[in-house]
């Protein structure tokens, strides 16, 4: 968990807070109410992985055709048994898409940086610390990334937010490395957790990149895709909260874990009827209805993807109380850290946006979202047709680092007990006050006292993270409380 300390250094915040603020700040935007073209009029993506360079000018799509991310939905997919309950829950608590029930917007902030590395890029050694417990430096495929030697473009940086994600795709091997709580010093890449999956041969579900354990490029919306007018894959979103969490509850295929926050963890919201991590939302609109919606072309592109492929609930919004469902988009750090221009800004300007934001007065109501039965993406519904789902593969040598199949249940059980049984108990209390506590020494005293009061022993100190950001008119640096919980 992270907390804030005031510092004179200021940098822009690129995180969920920025997405929320984009909908609240009183900055001028262009309101677009009439489509200038249909979403199908543009040219689809055709780039290959081998053609992807640091500039990422191409429009490329990872993972196999049979991936649940890349498989289009049938015309009338079977709905989940809890579809009605989920719809009722979202309506009851005012859930919305992109932070508004009366409009729809997309900003240039992004959420996750992606880098394409060639064999000539600098090599770094991965120091993965198993921050979340044993075996959390490997994905669901049990390939451990600690000690791996990988190529990383010079200047590449992790996301400037609490998760500090960093995604490296090696164009020569197809290996995608996903890291969390990442930093690079010299020739060492340090990460709190990590995983690897091959974008050419797997389906993107054997990772550990986020709450659903999906690969971090899977379903990610990129500026080149939006500019092309075609999104030929499911999107991924974070939702306010879930009905449950853990290693054996609170998730649905293609997720392999349910690590999102449960409704009621941080604010008053009954978890009954809430969706689970991994569930697939489908926009219940036809192509004709989308074309006649009055939405601008760029929004129709997103609506078409939601209708034809859907969007998977991949994570939750965290402790920040907001009832928005947000689409994950590629972080502009992918380019700006390499000295390049932010392509989101270029695309948004060309599509009629202003101040880094595309805005429409045509909302996408959550009442039009249906929950698809997991047998559809899994390919197990009676009478199902379409691409054969990519089978789950066993770990293979990545050319640099190999790990035999390990006891996945050990890692999942540790995550459940450590991350969600212990840390959340602390976080529910501390997150209420962290914005008002900026003196590090005072906060350390508070944390130590709180842990003793709660019966948690083994407090180990404070770890300062090498970054800072701008929030509510002030500059802050992040630091993490480092603990060891005895007997947990």
Foldseek 3Di string as FASTA:
>chain_A
DKFWFFDQDADAAQAVVVLQVVVVDPDDKDAAQFAPDALPPFAAFDDDLLPQALVRLGDDDFADCQFLFQFWFPQDFAFAPLFVLALVQCVVVVFFASFDPQWDKDFLRFHWAEGEFEPPADKAFEAADLLLHPQQQEWQLSWHRHGFIDGDHPLQFFHRHQQSWYWYAYSVQQKIKIFTLWDDDDRYIYGPYIYIDGRYAHNQLRAQRFQQRGRPSRQAAELSRLLRSADSTAFAKAFAAALDFAQPDQDAPPGRGFHAHHAPLADDGHRGSHHGAFWWKAQQDDSVCLNPLSWYNSVSNVNVNRHTSTYGHHYHPPNPDGRYIYTGYHGQSSAVSVVHDRVLVVSCVVSRIPPRMDMYSRGRGCSRIGTGHSCRSCVNPVPDDTDHRRDDDHWDDSPGGGDHHDDVVVSRNSSCCRVPVPPSVVCSPCVVCSVPDNDQVVVQVVVQVVCVVVVFDFFDGKAWRPHWHDDPRGIIGMIDGRGDGPPD
